[in-house]
Amino acid sequence: MAARWEHGAAGEAVTARMLGVLEGRGWVVLHDLALPGSRANLDHVLVSPCGTAIVVLDTKNWHRGRPTALVRGRVCCGSEDRHGQVEKVAGYAGRVQAVLGLPGVAVWPLLVVHGSPVAGGFLEARVTGWGGPVFVLGPDRLVPTLAGAPKVTDRSRAAAVAGRVGSVLSPYRERG
């Protein structure tokens, strides 16, 4: 169990370093936040430079020798069904949207997979109860995908949204 946690933490650290590039482009990037009313740890939460979108980003570090692909509509790493992880990040995004209560601000779930090569670098998975796709990306597609998203910048709106995120989602602390 401890080795698995350390393996996952290493992937989160790599993702955090990668996301640092986006901060220079107006993104607000927060790491390891607690989801109110749950034991969940949100790996990364990003506020877009335009202040109209929040990305709930979960990092996974899956088996290097097994490709990640959609199999009959489900995300699989090799022969292992990992769609439950996609469902979790969609659930986290839904909960974040509900607790923040920010009309006009879209919340998007995103999963980045280290180790396992993602088929085509990019998957669009569907989850029951979530209205849009859950994007599953390889790390090489993460920053270009996010950097290409906002076409406008509204620093004051982004700061207000980031302030709300910071006041509602506190730093995660291991709960015993």
N, C-alpha and C. Protein backbone atom coordinates (compact mmCIF):
# COMPACT_ATOMS: atom_id res chain seq x y z
N MET A 1 0.83 -1.20 0.00
CA MET A 1 0.00 0.00 0.00
C MET A 1 0.87 1.26 0.00
N ALA A 2 1.91 1.28 0.83
CA ALA A 2 2.78 2.46 0.89
C ALA A 2 3.52 2.65 -0.42
N ALA A 3 3.95 1.56 -1.05
CA ALA A 3 4.64 1.67 -2.34
C ALA A 3 3.72 2.23 -3.41
N ARG A 4 2.45 1.81 -3.40
CA ARG A 4 1.48 2.32 -4.36
C ARG A 4 1.26 3.82 -4.16
N TRP A 5 1.15 4.24 -2.87
CA TRP A 5 0.97 5.66 -2.57
C TRP A 5 2.16 6.46 -3.07
N GLU A 6 3.38 5.98 -2.80
CA GLU A 6 4.59 6.68 -3.24
C GLU A 6 4.66 6.77 -4.76
N HIS A 7 4.24 5.70 -5.43
CA HIS A 7 4.22 5.68 -6.90
C HIS A 7 3.25 6.75 -7.42
N GLY A 8 2.06 6.83 -6.81
CA GLY A 8 1.08 7.84 -7.19
C GLY A 8 1.56 9.24 -6.89
N ALA A 9 2.20 9.42 -5.73
CA ALA A 9 2.71 10.74 -5.33
C ALA A 9 3.78 11.21 -6.30
N ALA A 10 4.58 10.29 -6.80
CA ALA A 10 5.62 10.67 -7.78
C ALA A 10 4.96 11.20 -9.05
N GLY A 11 3.89 10.57 -9.50
CA GLY A 11 3.16 11.07 -10.67
C GLY A 11 2.56 12.44 -10.43
N GLU A 12 2.01 12.64 -9.22
CA GLU A 12 1.43 13.95 -8.88
C GLU A 12 2.50 15.04 -8.88
N ALA A 13 3.69 14.72 -8.40
CA ALA A 13 4.78 15.70 -8.37
C ALA A 13 5.20 16.08 -9.80
N VAL A 14 5.25 15.10 -10.68
CA VAL A 14 5.60 15.39 -12.08
C VAL A 14 4.53 16.28 -12.70
N THR A 15 3.26 15.95 -12.46
CA THR A 15 2.17 16.78 -12.99
C THR A 15 2.26 18.20 -12.45
N ALA A 16 2.51 18.34 -11.16
CA ALA A 16 2.61 19.67 -10.55
C ALA A 16 3.71 20.50 -11.21
N ARG A 17 4.85 19.88 -11.47
CA ARG A 17 5.94 20.62 -12.16
C ARG A 17 5.50 21.04 -13.56
N MET A 18 4.82 20.15 -14.26
CA MET A 18 4.36 20.47 -15.61
C MET A 18 3.38 21.64 -15.60
N LEU A 19 2.49 21.66 -14.63
CA LEU A 19 1.47 22.71 -14.54
C LEU A 19 2.04 24.08 -14.21
N GLY A 20 3.25 24.11 -13.66
CA GLY A 20 3.89 25.38 -13.34
C GLY A 20 4.01 26.28 -14.56
N VAL A 21 4.16 25.71 -15.72
CA VAL A 21 4.24 26.49 -16.97
C VAL A 21 2.97 27.30 -17.19
N LEU A 22 1.84 26.73 -16.80
CA LEU A 22 0.56 27.41 -17.02
C LEU A 22 0.38 28.64 -16.14
N GLU A 23 1.02 28.64 -14.97
CA GLU A 23 0.90 29.79 -14.08
C GLU A 23 1.44 31.05 -14.74
N GLY A 24 2.46 30.92 -15.55
CA GLY A 24 3.00 32.05 -16.30
C GLY A 24 2.07 32.53 -17.40
N ARG A 25 1.06 31.74 -17.68
CA ARG A 25 0.07 32.08 -18.72
C ARG A 25 -1.27 32.48 -18.12
N GLY A 26 -1.27 32.79 -16.82
CA GLY A 26 -2.48 33.30 -16.19
C GLY A 26 -3.34 32.28 -15.47
N TRP A 27 -2.99 31.02 -15.53
CA TRP A 27 -3.74 30.00 -14.81
C TRP A 27 -3.40 30.07 -13.32
N VAL A 28 -4.38 29.80 -12.47
CA VAL A 28 -4.15 29.62 -11.04
C VAL A 28 -4.16 28.11 -10.82
N VAL A 29 -3.09 27.60 -10.24
CA VAL A 29 -2.94 26.16 -10.06
C VAL A 29 -2.79 25.86 -8.57
N LEU A 30 -3.68 25.03 -8.05
CA LEU A 30 -3.68 24.64 -6.64
C LEU A 30 -3.52 23.12 -6.56
N HIS A 31 -2.85 22.66 -5.54
CA HIS A 31 -2.57 21.23 -5.41
C HIS A 31 -3.06 20.70 -4.06
N ASP A 32 -3.43 19.43 -4.05
CA ASP A 32 -3.80 18.71 -2.82
C ASP A 32 -4.84 19.45 -1.99
N LEU A 33 -6.03 19.52 -2.52
CA LEU A 33 -7.13 20.17 -1.82
C LEU A 33 -8.13 19.13 -1.32
N ALA A 34 -8.75 19.43 -0.19
CA ALA A 34 -9.78 18.55 0.37
C ALA A 34 -11.13 18.90 -0.23
N LEU A 35 -11.90 17.88 -0.53
CA LEU A 35 -13.26 18.07 -1.01
C LEU A 35 -14.19 18.05 0.20
N PRO A 36 -14.87 19.16 0.49
CA PRO A 36 -15.72 19.22 1.68
C PRO A 36 -16.74 18.07 1.72
N GLY A 37 -16.90 17.52 2.93
CA GLY A 37 -17.88 16.45 3.12
C GLY A 37 -17.42 15.09 2.63
N SER A 38 -16.12 14.96 2.38
CA SER A 38 -15.61 13.69 1.87
C SER A 38 -14.18 13.49 2.34
N ARG A 39 -13.66 12.31 2.11
CA ARG A 39 -12.26 12.02 2.43
C ARG A 39 -11.39 12.21 1.19
N ALA A 40 -11.98 12.69 0.12
CA ALA A 40 -11.28 12.80 -1.16
C ALA A 40 -10.20 13.88 -1.16
N ASN A 41 -9.13 13.57 -1.85
CA ASN A 41 -8.03 14.49 -2.08
C ASN A 41 -8.06 14.88 -3.55
N LEU A 42 -8.22 16.15 -3.83
CA LEU A 42 -8.17 16.63 -5.21
C LEU A 42 -6.72 16.91 -5.54
N ASP A 43 -6.16 16.15 -6.48
CA ASP A 43 -4.73 16.28 -6.79
C ASP A 43 -4.38 17.70 -7.24
N HIS A 44 -5.14 18.22 -8.21
CA HIS A 44 -4.85 19.55 -8.78
C HIS A 44 -6.17 20.21 -9.16
N VAL A 45 -6.32 21.47 -8.85
CA VAL A 45 -7.47 22.26 -9.27
C VAL A 45 -6.93 23.50 -9.94
N LEU A 46 -7.40 23.76 -11.16
CA LEU A 46 -6.90 24.89 -11.94
C LEU A 46 -8.04 25.84 -12.28
N VAL A 47 -7.75 27.13 -12.22
CA VAL A 47 -8.70 28.16 -12.64
C VAL A 47 -8.14 28.78 -13.90
N SER A 48 -8.97 28.83 -14.94
CA SER A 48 -8.52 29.36 -16.23
C SER A 48 -8.27 30.85 -16.16
N PRO A 49 -7.43 31.37 -17.06
CA PRO A 49 -7.13 32.81 -17.08
C PRO A 49 -8.34 33.69 -17.33
N CYS A 50 -9.39 33.12 -17.93
CA CYS A 50 -10.60 33.91 -18.19
C CYS A 50 -11.58 33.85 -17.03
N GLY A 51 -11.33 32.95 -16.06
CA GLY A 51 -12.20 32.84 -14.91
C GLY A 51 -13.53 32.19 -15.19
N THR A 52 -13.67 31.54 -16.34
CA THR A 52 -14.94 30.89 -16.67
C THR A 52 -14.86 29.37 -16.58
N ALA A 53 -13.70 28.83 -16.21
CA ALA A 53 -13.56 27.39 -16.14
C ALA A 53 -12.64 26.98 -14.99
N ILE A 54 -13.00 25.87 -14.40
CA ILE A 54 -12.19 25.22 -13.37
C ILE A 54 -11.94 23.81 -13.85
N VAL A 55 -10.70 23.36 -13.74
CA VAL A 55 -10.34 22.00 -14.12
C VAL A 55 -10.01 21.23 -12.86
N VAL A 56 -10.69 20.11 -12.67
CA VAL A 56 -10.39 19.19 -11.57
C VAL A 56 -9.56 18.07 -12.21
N LEU A 57 -8.29 18.05 -11.87
CA LEU A 57 -7.32 17.17 -12.54
C LEU A 57 -6.83 16.10 -11.58
N ASP A 58 -7.01 14.86 -11.97
CA ASP A 58 -6.54 13.73 -11.19
C ASP A 58 -5.36 13.11 -11.92
N THR A 59 -4.30 12.81 -11.19
CA THR A 59 -3.11 12.21 -11.77
C THR A 59 -3.08 10.72 -11.44
N LYS A 60 -2.78 9.93 -12.46
CA LYS A 60 -2.62 8.49 -12.26
C LYS A 60 -1.25 8.08 -12.81
N ASN A 61 -0.67 7.08 -12.19
CA ASN A 61 0.62 6.55 -12.63
C ASN A 61 0.39 5.05 -12.85
N TRP A 62 0.05 4.70 -14.11
CA TRP A 62 -0.35 3.33 -14.43
C TRP A 62 0.80 2.56 -15.06
N HIS A 63 0.61 1.29 -15.21
CA HIS A 63 1.63 0.35 -15.68
C HIS A 63 2.22 0.77 -17.04
N ARG A 64 3.52 0.97 -17.04
CA ARG A 64 4.23 1.45 -18.23
C ARG A 64 4.09 0.51 -19.43
N GLY A 65 4.00 -0.77 -19.21
CA GLY A 65 3.96 -1.72 -20.32
C GLY A 65 2.58 -1.99 -20.88
N ARG A 66 1.56 -1.32 -20.34
CA ARG A 66 0.19 -1.58 -20.80
C ARG A 66 -0.44 -0.28 -21.31
N PRO A 67 -0.92 -0.27 -22.55
CA PRO A 67 -1.53 0.95 -23.08
C PRO A 67 -2.90 1.23 -22.47
N THR A 68 -3.21 2.51 -22.35
CA THR A 68 -4.53 2.95 -21.90
C THR A 68 -5.36 3.27 -23.12
N ALA A 69 -6.56 2.69 -23.17
CA ALA A 69 -7.42 2.87 -24.35
C ALA A 69 -8.87 2.74 -23.92
N LEU A 70 -9.76 3.16 -24.82
CA LEU A 70 -11.19 2.94 -24.62
C LEU A 70 -11.52 1.55 -25.17
N VAL A 71 -12.14 0.73 -24.34
CA VAL A 71 -12.56 -0.61 -24.74
C VAL A 71 -14.06 -0.70 -24.45
N ARG A 72 -14.85 -0.76 -25.50
CA ARG A 72 -16.31 -0.78 -25.37
C ARG A 72 -16.80 0.38 -24.50
N GLY A 73 -16.20 1.56 -24.71
CA GLY A 73 -16.62 2.76 -24.00
C GLY A 73 -16.04 2.94 -22.61
N ARG A 74 -15.18 2.02 -22.18
CA ARG A 74 -14.59 2.09 -20.84
C ARG A 74 -13.09 2.27 -20.94
N VAL A 75 -12.53 3.06 -20.03
CA VAL A 75 -11.09 3.27 -20.01
C VAL A 75 -10.42 2.07 -19.36
N CYS A 76 -9.48 1.50 -20.08
CA CYS A 76 -8.75 0.32 -19.60
C CYS A 76 -7.25 0.56 -19.74
N CYS A 77 -6.51 0.03 -18.79
CA CYS A 77 -5.05 0.01 -18.86
C CYS A 77 -4.68 -1.45 -19.12
N GLY A 78 -4.30 -1.73 -20.36
CA GLY A 78 -4.12 -3.13 -20.74
C GLY A 78 -5.46 -3.82 -20.62
N SER A 79 -5.50 -4.95 -19.91
CA SER A 79 -6.75 -5.68 -19.73
C SER A 79 -7.51 -5.26 -18.47
N GLU A 80 -6.95 -4.32 -17.69
CA GLU A 80 -7.59 -3.88 -16.44
C GLU A 80 -8.54 -2.72 -16.69
N ASP A 81 -9.77 -2.88 -16.26
CA ASP A 81 -10.77 -1.82 -16.37
C ASP A 81 -10.45 -0.75 -15.33
N ARG A 82 -10.18 0.46 -15.77
CA ARG A 82 -9.87 1.58 -14.88
C ARG A 82 -10.93 2.68 -14.97
N HIS A 83 -12.07 2.34 -15.53
CA HIS A 83 -13.12 3.34 -15.73
C HIS A 83 -13.62 3.92 -14.40
N GLY A 84 -13.48 3.15 -13.33
CA GLY A 84 -13.87 3.67 -12.02
C GLY A 84 -13.11 4.93 -11.66
N GLN A 85 -11.86 5.04 -12.09
CA GLN A 85 -11.07 6.25 -11.84
C GLN A 85 -11.62 7.45 -12.62
N VAL A 86 -12.12 7.18 -13.81
CA VAL A 86 -12.74 8.22 -14.63
C VAL A 86 -14.04 8.67 -13.97
N GLU A 87 -14.81 7.71 -13.48
CA GLU A 87 -16.05 8.04 -12.79
C GLU A 87 -15.78 8.86 -11.54
N LYS A 88 -14.71 8.53 -10.81
CA LYS A 88 -14.37 9.29 -9.60
C LYS A 88 -14.06 10.75 -9.91
N VAL A 89 -13.23 11.00 -10.93
CA VAL A 89 -12.88 12.39 -11.22
C VAL A 89 -14.10 13.17 -11.71
N ALA A 90 -15.00 12.51 -12.43
CA ALA A 90 -16.25 13.18 -12.84
C ALA A 90 -17.09 13.51 -11.60
N GLY A 91 -17.12 12.57 -10.65
CA GLY A 91 -17.84 12.83 -9.40
C GLY A 91 -17.23 13.97 -8.61
N TYR A 92 -15.89 14.00 -8.56
CA TYR A 92 -15.21 15.10 -7.88
C TYR A 92 -15.58 16.44 -8.54
N ALA A 93 -15.57 16.46 -9.86
CA ALA A 93 -15.90 17.70 -10.58
C ALA A 93 -17.33 18.15 -10.27
N GLY A 94 -18.24 17.19 -10.23
CA GLY A 94 -19.63 17.52 -9.90
C GLY A 94 -19.76 18.08 -8.49
N ARG A 95 -19.04 17.48 -7.56
CA ARG A 95 -19.08 17.96 -6.17
C ARG A 95 -18.44 19.34 -6.06
N VAL A 96 -17.33 19.56 -6.77
CA VAL A 96 -16.68 20.88 -6.75
C VAL A 96 -17.64 21.93 -7.28
N GLN A 97 -18.31 21.63 -8.39
CA GLN A 97 -19.26 22.58 -8.97
C GLN A 97 -20.36 22.91 -7.96
N ALA A 98 -20.84 21.89 -7.26
CA ALA A 98 -21.93 22.11 -6.29
C ALA A 98 -21.47 22.93 -5.09
N VAL A 99 -20.30 22.62 -4.53
CA VAL A 99 -19.88 23.34 -3.32
C VAL A 99 -19.41 24.76 -3.62
N LEU A 100 -18.90 24.99 -4.83
CA LEU A 100 -18.46 26.35 -5.15
C LEU A 100 -19.63 27.26 -5.47
N GLY A 101 -20.66 26.74 -6.12
CA GLY A 101 -21.84 27.53 -6.44
C GLY A 101 -21.52 28.77 -7.25
N LEU A 102 -20.79 28.59 -8.33
CA LEU A 102 -20.40 29.71 -9.18
C LEU A 102 -21.11 29.64 -10.54
N PRO A 103 -22.24 30.34 -10.68
CA PRO A 103 -22.94 30.32 -11.97
C PRO A 103 -22.04 30.88 -13.07
N GLY A 104 -22.11 30.27 -14.23
CA GLY A 104 -21.32 30.74 -15.36
C GLY A 104 -19.89 30.23 -15.37
N VAL A 105 -19.52 29.40 -14.40
CA VAL A 105 -18.18 28.83 -14.35
C VAL A 105 -18.31 27.32 -14.58
N ALA A 106 -17.74 26.84 -15.67
CA ALA A 106 -17.79 25.41 -15.99
C ALA A 106 -16.71 24.68 -15.21
N VAL A 107 -17.02 23.48 -14.76
CA VAL A 107 -16.05 22.63 -14.09
C VAL A 107 -15.82 21.40 -14.97
N TRP A 108 -14.56 21.14 -15.28
CA TRP A 108 -14.21 20.06 -16.19
C TRP A 108 -13.34 19.02 -15.50
N PRO A 109 -13.73 17.75 -15.57
CA PRO A 109 -12.89 16.69 -15.04
C PRO A 109 -11.83 16.28 -16.06
N LEU A 110 -10.64 16.02 -15.58
CA LEU A 110 -9.54 15.64 -16.46
C LEU A 110 -8.67 14.63 -15.72
N LEU A 111 -8.22 13.63 -16.45
CA LEU A 111 -7.33 12.61 -15.89
C LEU A 111 -6.07 12.60 -16.73
N VAL A 112 -4.90 12.71 -16.08
CA VAL A 112 -3.63 12.58 -16.79
C VAL A 112 -2.99 11.28 -16.33
N VAL A 113 -2.54 10.49 -17.29
CA VAL A 113 -1.98 9.17 -17.01
C VAL A 113 -0.50 9.16 -17.34
N HIS A 114 0.31 8.94 -16.32
CA HIS A 114 1.75 8.77 -16.50
C HIS A 114 2.04 7.28 -16.62
N GLY A 115 3.13 6.95 -17.27
CA GLY A 115 3.54 5.56 -17.41
C GLY A 115 2.88 4.90 -18.60
N SER A 116 1.65 4.52 -18.45
CA SER A 116 0.91 3.84 -19.51
C SER A 116 0.66 4.78 -20.68
N PRO A 117 1.06 4.39 -21.90
CA PRO A 117 0.79 5.27 -23.04
C PRO A 117 -0.71 5.33 -23.35
N VAL A 118 -1.25 6.54 -23.45
CA VAL A 118 -2.66 6.75 -23.77
C VAL A 118 -2.82 6.68 -25.29
N ALA A 119 -3.73 5.85 -25.75
CA ALA A 119 -3.96 5.66 -27.18
C ALA A 119 -4.23 7.00 -27.85
N GLY A 120 -3.39 7.37 -28.80
CA GLY A 120 -3.55 8.65 -29.49
C GLY A 120 -3.21 9.84 -28.62
N GLY A 121 -2.79 9.61 -27.38
CA GLY A 121 -2.44 10.69 -26.46
C GLY A 121 -3.62 11.34 -25.78
N PHE A 122 -4.85 10.96 -26.21
CA PHE A 122 -6.03 11.70 -25.78
C PHE A 122 -7.26 10.82 -25.94
N LEU A 123 -8.04 10.67 -24.87
CA LEU A 123 -9.30 9.93 -24.94
C LEU A 123 -10.43 10.81 -24.43
N GLU A 124 -11.62 10.59 -24.97
CA GLU A 124 -12.84 11.23 -24.46
C GLU A 124 -13.72 10.14 -23.93
N ALA A 125 -13.79 10.03 -22.62
CA ALA A 125 -14.60 9.00 -21.98
C ALA A 125 -15.94 9.59 -21.55
N ARG A 126 -16.92 8.76 -21.49
CA ARG A 126 -18.26 9.17 -21.02
C ARG A 126 -18.57 8.46 -19.71
N VAL A 127 -19.27 9.19 -18.84
CA VAL A 127 -19.62 8.68 -17.53
C VAL A 127 -21.10 8.97 -17.29
N THR A 128 -21.81 7.97 -16.80
CA THR A 128 -23.21 8.15 -16.45
C THR A 128 -23.33 9.25 -15.41
N GLY A 129 -24.23 10.20 -15.65
CA GLY A 129 -24.45 11.27 -14.70
C GLY A 129 -23.60 12.51 -14.92
N TRP A 130 -22.65 12.44 -15.85
CA TRP A 130 -21.84 13.61 -16.18
C TRP A 130 -22.19 14.01 -17.61
N GLY A 131 -22.54 15.28 -17.81
CA GLY A 131 -23.07 15.74 -19.09
C GLY A 131 -22.10 15.81 -20.25
N GLY A 132 -20.83 15.85 -19.98
CA GLY A 132 -19.86 15.99 -21.06
C GLY A 132 -18.80 14.92 -20.97
N PRO A 133 -17.77 15.07 -21.76
CA PRO A 133 -16.70 14.08 -21.72
C PRO A 133 -15.78 14.27 -20.52
N VAL A 134 -15.14 13.20 -20.14
CA VAL A 134 -14.03 13.24 -19.20
C VAL A 134 -12.80 12.98 -20.05
N PHE A 135 -11.91 13.93 -20.11
CA PHE A 135 -10.73 13.80 -20.94
C PHE A 135 -9.65 13.02 -20.20
N VAL A 136 -9.05 12.07 -20.89
CA VAL A 136 -7.94 11.28 -20.35
C VAL A 136 -6.76 11.55 -21.28
N LEU A 137 -5.71 12.14 -20.70
CA LEU A 137 -4.56 12.58 -21.50
C LEU A 137 -3.27 11.92 -21.06
N GLY A 138 -2.38 11.76 -22.02
CA GLY A 138 -1.00 11.44 -21.68
C GLY A 138 -0.33 12.73 -21.25
N PRO A 139 0.75 12.67 -20.49
CA PRO A 139 1.39 13.88 -19.98
C PRO A 139 1.88 14.83 -21.07
N ASP A 140 2.26 14.31 -22.23
CA ASP A 140 2.73 15.19 -23.30
C ASP A 140 1.62 16.04 -23.89
N ARG A 141 0.36 15.68 -23.68
CA ARG A 141 -0.76 16.45 -24.19
C ARG A 141 -1.36 17.39 -23.15
N LEU A 142 -0.94 17.27 -21.89
CA LEU A 142 -1.57 18.03 -20.81
C LEU A 142 -1.42 19.54 -20.98
N VAL A 143 -0.22 20.03 -20.97
CA VAL A 143 -0.01 21.49 -21.03
C VAL A 143 -0.50 22.07 -22.36
N PRO A 144 -0.20 21.47 -23.51
CA PRO A 144 -0.72 22.04 -24.76
C PRO A 144 -2.25 22.10 -24.80
N THR A 145 -2.91 21.09 -24.26
CA THR A 145 -4.38 21.09 -24.25
C THR A 145 -4.92 22.23 -23.40
N LEU A 146 -4.40 22.37 -22.20
CA LEU A 146 -4.88 23.43 -21.31
C LEU A 146 -4.46 24.81 -21.80
N ALA A 147 -3.24 24.95 -22.26
CA ALA A 147 -2.76 26.26 -22.73
C ALA A 147 -3.56 26.75 -23.92
N GLY A 148 -4.07 25.83 -24.71
CA GLY A 148 -4.84 26.22 -25.89
C GLY A 148 -6.29 26.54 -25.61
N ALA A 149 -6.76 26.25 -24.39
CA ALA A 149 -8.18 26.41 -24.08
C ALA A 149 -8.66 27.86 -23.98
N PRO A 150 -8.08 28.69 -23.13
CA PRO A 150 -8.65 30.03 -22.98
C PRO A 150 -8.20 30.94 -24.13
N LYS A 151 -9.15 31.64 -24.67
CA LYS A 151 -8.83 32.58 -25.76
C LYS A 151 -8.82 34.02 -25.28
N VAL A 152 -9.34 34.24 -24.08
CA VAL A 152 -9.36 35.59 -23.50
C VAL A 152 -8.84 35.50 -22.07
N THR A 153 -8.46 36.63 -21.54
CA THR A 153 -7.99 36.70 -20.17
C THR A 153 -8.79 37.75 -19.42
N ASP A 154 -9.25 37.37 -18.24
CA ASP A 154 -9.94 38.31 -17.36
C ASP A 154 -9.37 38.08 -15.97
N ARG A 155 -8.26 38.77 -15.70
CA ARG A 155 -7.53 38.52 -14.45
C ARG A 155 -8.38 38.77 -13.20
N SER A 156 -9.24 39.77 -13.23
CA SER A 156 -10.05 40.04 -12.03
C SER A 156 -11.08 38.94 -11.80
N ARG A 157 -11.70 38.47 -12.87
CA ARG A 157 -12.66 37.36 -12.71
C ARG A 157 -11.93 36.09 -12.27
N ALA A 158 -10.78 35.80 -12.89
CA ALA A 158 -10.01 34.62 -12.51
C ALA A 158 -9.59 34.69 -11.04
N ALA A 159 -9.19 35.87 -10.59
CA ALA A 159 -8.79 36.04 -9.19
C ALA A 159 -9.98 35.83 -8.25
N ALA A 160 -11.15 36.30 -8.64
CA ALA A 160 -12.35 36.12 -7.81
C ALA A 160 -12.72 34.63 -7.72
N VAL A 161 -12.65 33.93 -8.85
CA VAL A 161 -12.96 32.50 -8.86
C VAL A 161 -11.92 31.75 -8.04
N ALA A 162 -10.65 32.08 -8.21
CA ALA A 162 -9.59 31.43 -7.43
C ALA A 162 -9.77 31.71 -5.94
N GLY A 163 -10.20 32.91 -5.59
CA GLY A 163 -10.46 33.23 -4.20
C GLY A 163 -11.57 32.37 -3.62
N ARG A 164 -12.60 32.15 -4.40
CA ARG A 164 -13.71 31.29 -3.96
C ARG A 164 -13.22 29.84 -3.79
N VAL A 165 -12.44 29.37 -4.76
CA VAL A 165 -11.89 28.02 -4.66
C VAL A 165 -11.06 27.89 -3.38
N GLY A 166 -10.19 28.85 -3.14
CA GLY A 166 -9.33 28.81 -1.95
C GLY A 166 -10.09 28.90 -0.64
N SER A 167 -11.23 29.56 -0.64
CA SER A 167 -12.00 29.68 0.60
C SER A 167 -12.87 28.46 0.87
N VAL A 168 -13.21 27.71 -0.17
CA VAL A 168 -14.09 26.54 0.01
C VAL A 168 -13.32 25.24 0.05
N LEU A 169 -12.27 25.13 -0.75
CA LEU A 169 -11.47 23.90 -0.81
C LEU A 169 -10.17 24.13 -0.05
N SER A 170 -10.09 23.58 1.14
CA SER A 170 -8.92 23.79 1.99
C SER A 170 -7.80 22.80 1.64
N PRO A 171 -6.59 23.06 2.09
CA PRO A 171 -5.50 22.09 1.86
C PRO A 171 -5.86 20.74 2.48
N TYR A 172 -5.53 19.69 1.76
CA TYR A 172 -5.83 18.34 2.22
C TYR A 172 -4.88 17.94 3.34
N ARG A 173 -5.43 17.33 4.36
CA ARG A 173 -4.64 16.76 5.45
C ARG A 173 -5.12 15.34 5.65
N GLU A 174 -4.20 14.44 5.72
CA GLU A 174 -4.54 13.03 5.92
C GLU A 174 -5.44 12.89 7.13
N ARG A 175 -6.52 12.18 6.95
CA ARG A 175 -7.47 11.99 8.05
C ARG A 175 -7.34 10.58 8.59
N GLY A 176 -7.25 10.47 9.88
CA GLY A 176 -7.06 9.18 10.51
C GLY A 176 -8.29 8.47 10.76
